[in-house]
Amino acid sequence: MDNVRKNKTINPSALPATEPDYYLENGKVVFTASFHLKRGYCCQSGCRHCPYKESVNK
């Protein structure tokens, strides 16, 4: 887990609870940005909705 970036500024309890964490597209699970923010770090898997892309690419 040393290779993941963590976001210390996001408080998961401040995120909207009504947004789904994922949806299905062509039989595959696609995680939402809300899910990634709740998780709190980038897994570096190239997720479509990753809000951490900017910090990982720097």
PDB file of N, CA and C in Angstrom:
ATOM      1  N   MET A   1       0.821  -1.192   0.000  1.00  0.00           N
ATOM      2  CA  MET A   1       0.000   0.000   0.000  1.00  0.00           C
ATOM      3  C   MET A   1       0.867   1.258   0.000  1.00  0.00           C
ATOM      4  N   ASP A   2       2.151   1.097  -0.138  1.00  0.00           N
ATOM      5  CA  ASP A   2       3.046   2.243  -0.165  1.00  0.00           C
ATOM      6  C   ASP A   2       2.897   3.066  -1.435  1.00  0.00           C
ATOM      7  N   ASN A   3       2.371   2.462  -2.503  1.00  0.00           N
ATOM      8  CA  ASN A   3       2.312   3.147  -3.777  1.00  0.00           C
ATOM      9  C   ASN A   3       0.995   3.872  -4.025  1.00  0.00           C
ATOM     10  N   VAL A   4       0.144   4.031  -3.027  1.00  0.00           N
ATOM     11  CA  VAL A   4      -1.120   4.733  -3.214  1.00  0.00           C
ATOM     12  C   VAL A   4      -1.036   6.128  -2.634  1.00  0.00           C
ATOM     13  N   ARG A   5      -1.806   7.021  -3.214  1.00  0.00           N
ATOM     14  CA  ARG A   5      -1.849   8.398  -2.733  1.00  0.00           C
ATOM     15  C   ARG A   5      -3.086   8.565  -1.867  1.00  0.00           C
ATOM     16  N   LYS A   6      -2.919   9.145  -0.708  1.00  0.00           N
ATOM     17  CA  LYS A   6      -4.033   9.353   0.203  1.00  0.00           C
ATOM     18  C   LYS A   6      -4.390  10.826   0.243  1.00  0.00           C
ATOM     19  N   ASN A   7      -5.676  11.089   0.442  1.00  0.00           N
ATOM     20  CA  ASN A   7      -6.162  12.455   0.536  1.00  0.00           C
ATOM     21  C   ASN A   7      -6.578  12.710   1.967  1.00  0.00           C
ATOM     22  N   LYS A   8      -5.849  13.534   2.650  1.00  0.00           N
ATOM     23  CA  LYS A   8      -6.135  13.827   4.057  1.00  0.00           C
ATOM     24  C   LYS A   8      -7.163  14.947   4.208  1.00  0.00           C
ATOM     25  N   THR A   9      -7.510  15.661   3.124  1.00  0.00           N
ATOM     26  CA  THR A   9      -8.394  16.814   3.242  1.00  0.00           C
ATOM     27  C   THR A   9      -9.864  16.479   3.047  1.00  0.00           C
ATOM     28  N   ILE A  10     -10.199  15.319   2.528  1.00  0.00           N
ATOM     29  CA  ILE A  10     -11.590  14.942   2.288  1.00  0.00           C
ATOM     30  C   ILE A  10     -12.136  14.227   3.509  1.00  0.00           C
ATOM     31  N   ASN A  11     -13.267  14.693   3.999  1.00  0.00           N
ATOM     32  CA  ASN A  11     -13.950  14.039   5.104  1.00  0.00           C
ATOM     33  C   ASN A  11     -15.076  13.200   4.508  1.00  0.00           C
ATOM     34  N   PRO A  12     -14.981  11.873   4.500  1.00  0.00           N
ATOM     35  CA  PRO A  12     -16.004  11.029   3.876  1.00  0.00           C
ATOM     36  C   PRO A  12     -17.408  11.264   4.409  1.00  0.00           C
ATOM     37  N   SER A  13     -17.558  11.659   5.656  1.00  0.00           N
ATOM     38  CA  SER A  13     -18.894  11.893   6.202  1.00  0.00           C
ATOM     39  C   SER A  13     -19.524  13.149   5.618  1.00  0.00           C
ATOM     40  N   ALA A  14     -18.742  14.021   4.979  1.00  0.00           N
ATOM     41  CA  ALA A  14     -19.267  15.234   4.367  1.00  0.00           C
ATOM     42  C   ALA A  14     -19.758  14.991   2.942  1.00  0.00           C
ATOM     43  N   LEU A  15     -19.546  13.807   2.410  1.00  0.00           N
ATOM     44  CA  LEU A  15     -19.965  13.488   1.046  1.00  0.00           C
ATOM     45  C   LEU A  15     -21.431  13.089   1.015  1.00  0.00           C
ATOM     46  N   PRO A  16     -22.120  13.342  -0.099  1.00  0.00           N
ATOM     47  CA  PRO A  16     -23.535  12.959  -0.188  1.00  0.00           C
ATOM     48  C   PRO A  16     -23.705  11.448  -0.116  1.00  0.00           C
ATOM     49  N   ALA A  17     -24.633  11.010   0.704  1.00  0.00           N
ATOM     50  CA  ALA A  17     -24.860   9.572   0.891  1.00  0.00           C
ATOM     51  C   ALA A  17     -25.791   9.008  -0.167  1.00  0.00           C
ATOM     52  N   THR A  18     -26.421   9.863  -0.957  1.00  0.00           N
ATOM     53  CA  THR A  18     -27.413   9.393  -1.916  1.00  0.00           C
ATOM     54  C   THR A  18     -26.814   8.950  -3.247  1.00  0.00           C
ATOM     55  N   GLU A  19     -25.603   9.369  -3.555  1.00  0.00           N
ATOM     56  CA  GLU A  19     -24.996   8.977  -4.827  1.00  0.00           C
ATOM     57  C   GLU A  19     -24.535   7.529  -4.741  1.00  0.00           C
ATOM     58  N   PRO A  20     -24.849   6.734  -5.763  1.00  0.00           N
ATOM     59  CA  PRO A  20     -24.395   5.333  -5.737  1.00  0.00           C
ATOM     60  C   PRO A  20     -22.871   5.250  -5.843  1.00  0.00           C
ATOM     61  N   ASP A  21     -22.325   4.180  -5.316  1.00  0.00           N
ATOM     62  CA  ASP A  21     -20.876   3.986  -5.353  1.00  0.00           C
ATOM     63  C   ASP A  21     -20.393   3.430  -6.685  1.00  0.00           C
ATOM     64  N   TYR A  22     -21.288   2.803  -7.434  1.00  0.00           N
ATOM     65  CA  TYR A  22     -20.892   2.220  -8.712  1.00  0.00           C
ATOM     66  C   TYR A  22     -22.114   2.043  -9.600  1.00  0.00           C
ATOM     67  N   TYR A  23     -21.854   1.785 -10.869  1.00  0.00           N
ATOM     68  CA  TYR A  23     -22.909   1.415 -11.801  1.00  0.00           C
ATOM     69  C   TYR A  23     -22.333   0.365 -12.744  1.00  0.00           C
ATOM     70  N   LEU A  24     -23.219  -0.333 -13.425  1.00  0.00           N
ATOM     71  CA  LEU A  24     -22.787  -1.366 -14.365  1.00  0.00           C
ATOM     72  C   LEU A  24     -22.804  -0.807 -15.774  1.00  0.00           C
ATOM     73  N   GLU A  25     -21.746  -1.067 -16.510  1.00  0.00           N
ATOM     74  CA  GLU A  25     -21.652  -0.643 -17.899  1.00  0.00           C
ATOM     75  C   GLU A  25     -21.056  -1.791 -18.702  1.00  0.00           C
ATOM     76  N   ASN A  26     -21.840  -2.323 -19.618  1.00  0.00           N
ATOM     77  CA  ASN A  26     -21.404  -3.463 -20.430  1.00  0.00           C
ATOM     78  C   ASN A  26     -20.934  -4.631 -19.574  1.00  0.00           C
ATOM     79  N   GLY A  27     -21.631  -4.869 -18.463  1.00  0.00           N
ATOM     80  CA  GLY A  27     -21.310  -5.989 -17.594  1.00  0.00           C
ATOM     81  C   GLY A  27     -20.128  -5.763 -16.662  1.00  0.00           C
ATOM     82  N   LYS A  28     -19.596  -4.550 -16.651  1.00  0.00           N
ATOM     83  CA  LYS A  28     -18.458  -4.245 -15.779  1.00  0.00           C
ATOM     84  C   LYS A  28     -18.866  -3.215 -14.732  1.00  0.00           C
ATOM     85  N   VAL A  29     -18.251  -3.299 -13.563  1.00  0.00           N
ATOM     86  CA  VAL A  29     -18.510  -2.352 -12.484  1.00  0.00           C
ATOM     87  C   VAL A  29     -17.662  -1.104 -12.716  1.00  0.00           C
ATOM     88  N   VAL A  30     -18.322   0.063 -12.687  1.00  0.00           N
ATOM     89  CA  VAL A  30     -17.628   1.341 -12.830  1.00  0.00           C
ATOM     90  C   VAL A  30     -17.858   2.125 -11.543  1.00  0.00           C
ATOM     91  N   PHE A  31     -16.794   2.401 -10.800  1.00  0.00           N
ATOM     92  CA  PHE A  31     -16.912   3.132  -9.542  1.00  0.00           C
ATOM     93  C   PHE A  31     -17.053   4.623  -9.809  1.00  0.00           C
ATOM     94  N   THR A  32     -17.883   5.287  -8.998  1.00  0.00           N
ATOM     95  CA  THR A  32     -18.102   6.724  -9.139  1.00  0.00           C
ATOM     96  C   THR A  32     -17.018   7.504  -8.400  1.00  0.00           C
ATOM     97  N   ALA A  33     -16.933   8.798  -8.702  1.00  0.00           N
ATOM     98  CA  ALA A  33     -15.984   9.661  -7.992  1.00  0.00           C
ATOM     99  C   ALA A  33     -16.304   9.681  -6.506  1.00  0.00           C
ATOM    100  N   SER A  34     -17.579   9.630  -6.172  1.00  0.00           N
ATOM    101  CA  SER A  34     -17.990   9.610  -4.765  1.00  0.00           C
ATOM    102  C   SER A  34     -17.396   8.402  -4.047  1.00  0.00           C
ATOM    103  N   PHE A  35     -17.405   7.251  -4.698  1.00  0.00           N
ATOM    104  CA  PHE A  35     -16.815   6.048  -4.103  1.00  0.00           C
ATOM    105  C   PHE A  35     -15.327   6.258  -3.824  1.00  0.00           C
ATOM    106  N   HIS A  36     -14.623   6.793  -4.824  1.00  0.00           N
ATOM    107  CA  HIS A  36     -13.181   7.007  -4.671  1.00  0.00           C
ATOM    108  C   HIS A  36     -12.879   7.980  -3.535  1.00  0.00           C
ATOM    109  N   LEU A  37     -13.675   9.041  -3.425  1.00  0.00           N
ATOM    110  CA  LEU A  37     -13.456  10.009  -2.351  1.00  0.00           C
ATOM    111  C   LEU A  37     -13.723   9.386  -0.986  1.00  0.00           C
ATOM    112  N   LYS A  38     -14.748   8.537  -0.899  1.00  0.00           N
ATOM    113  CA  LYS A  38     -15.035   7.858   0.370  1.00  0.00           C
ATOM    114  C   LYS A  38     -13.900   6.903   0.737  1.00  0.00           C
ATOM    115  N   ARG A  39     -13.331   6.257  -0.274  1.00  0.00           N
ATOM    116  CA  ARG A  39     -12.222   5.337  -0.026  1.00  0.00           C
ATOM    117  C   ARG A  39     -10.998   6.102   0.465  1.00  0.00           C
ATOM    118  N   GLY A  40     -10.760   7.274  -0.105  1.00  0.00           N
ATOM    119  CA  GLY A  40      -9.718   8.147   0.414  1.00  0.00           C
ATOM    120  C   GLY A  40      -8.354   8.060  -0.239  1.00  0.00           C
ATOM    121  N   TYR A  41      -8.204   7.257  -1.278  1.00  0.00           N
ATOM    122  CA  TYR A  41      -6.903   7.170  -1.946  1.00  0.00           C
ATOM    123  C   TYR A  41      -7.067   6.659  -3.376  1.00  0.00           C
ATOM    124  N   CYS A  42      -6.028   6.833  -4.171  1.00  0.00           N
ATOM    125  CA  CYS A  42      -6.003   6.339  -5.547  1.00  0.00           C
ATOM    126  C   CYS A  42      -5.368   4.954  -5.563  1.00  0.00           C
ATOM    127  N   CYS A  43      -6.015   4.011  -6.225  1.00  0.00           N
ATOM    128  CA  CYS A  43      -5.485   2.644  -6.306  1.00  0.00           C
ATOM    129  C   CYS A  43      -4.554   2.479  -7.508  1.00  0.00           C
ATOM    130  N   GLN A  44      -4.421   3.521  -8.322  1.00  0.00           N
ATOM    131  CA  GLN A  44      -3.553   3.541  -9.501  1.00  0.00           C
ATOM    132  C   GLN A  44      -3.926   2.489 -10.537  1.00  0.00           C
ATOM    133  N   SER A  45      -5.243   2.226 -10.650  1.00  0.00           N
ATOM    134  CA  SER A  45      -5.731   1.271 -11.649  1.00  0.00           C
ATOM    135  C   SER A  45      -6.277   1.972 -12.885  1.00  0.00           C
ATOM    136  N   GLY A  46      -6.191   3.285 -12.935  1.00  0.00           N
ATOM    137  CA  GLY A  46      -6.678   4.029 -14.089  1.00  0.00           C
ATOM    138  C   GLY A  46      -8.189   4.139 -14.135  1.00  0.00           C
ATOM    139  N   CYS A  47      -8.820   4.217 -12.998  1.00  0.00           N
ATOM    140  CA  CYS A  47     -10.285   4.289 -12.928  1.00  0.00           C
ATOM    141  C   CYS A  47     -10.805   5.528 -13.656  1.00  0.00           C
ATOM    142  N   ARG A  48     -11.907   5.363 -14.370  1.00  0.00           N
ATOM    143  CA  ARG A  48     -12.492   6.417 -15.189  1.00  0.00           C
ATOM    144  C   ARG A  48     -12.836   7.666 -14.390  1.00  0.00           C
ATOM    145  N   HIS A  49     -13.416   7.502 -13.218  1.00  0.00           N
ATOM    146  CA  HIS A  49     -13.899   8.642 -12.438  1.00  0.00           C
ATOM    147  C   HIS A  49     -12.996   8.994 -11.265  1.00  0.00           C
ATOM    148  N   CYS A  50     -11.751   8.617 -11.322  1.00  0.00           N
ATOM    149  CA  CYS A  50     -10.830   8.863 -10.207  1.00  0.00           C
ATOM    150  C   CYS A  50     -10.595  10.364 -10.018  1.00  0.00           C
ATOM    151  N   PRO A  51     -10.945  10.900  -8.842  1.00  0.00           N
ATOM    152  CA  PRO A  51     -10.711  12.326  -8.584  1.00  0.00           C
ATOM    153  C   PRO A  51      -9.254  12.618  -8.231  1.00  0.00           C
ATOM    154  N   TYR A  52      -8.435  11.597  -8.111  1.00  0.00           N
ATOM    155  CA  TYR A  52      -7.035  11.767  -7.733  1.00  0.00           C
ATOM    156  C   TYR A  52      -6.101  11.748  -8.937  1.00  0.00           C
ATOM    157  N   LYS A  53      -6.621  11.661 -10.148  1.00  0.00           N
ATOM    158  CA  LYS A  53      -5.785  11.558 -11.352  1.00  0.00           C
ATOM    159  C   LYS A  53      -4.747  12.663 -11.429  1.00  0.00           C
ATOM    160  N   GLU A  54      -5.149  13.892 -11.131  1.00  0.00           N
ATOM    161  CA  GLU A  54      -4.226  15.021 -11.222  1.00  0.00           C
ATOM    162  C   GLU A  54      -3.039  14.849 -10.285  1.00  0.00           C
ATOM    163  N   SER A  55      -3.296  14.421  -9.051  1.00  0.00           N
ATOM    164  CA  SER A  55      -2.200  14.299  -8.089  1.00  0.00           C
ATOM    165  C   SER A  55      -1.319  13.089  -8.382  1.00  0.00           C
ATOM    166  N   VAL A  56      -1.864  12.063  -8.997  1.00  0.00           N
ATOM    167  CA  VAL A  56      -1.085  10.866  -9.322  1.00  0.00           C
ATOM    168  C   VAL A  56      -0.168  11.133 -10.507  1.00  0.00           C
ATOM    169  N   ASN A  57      -0.639  11.926 -11.474  1.00  0.00           N
ATOM    170  CA  ASN A  57       0.140  12.195 -12.678  1.00  0.00           C
ATOM    171  C   ASN A  57       1.256  13.204 -12.458  1.00  0.00           C
ATOM    172  N   LYS A  58       1.299  13.877 -11.319  1.00  0.00           N
ATOM    173  CA  LYS A  58       2.317  14.903 -11.069  1.00  0.00           C
ATOM    174  C   LYS A  58       3.605  14.289 -10.601  1.00  0.00           C
TER     175      LYS A  58
END
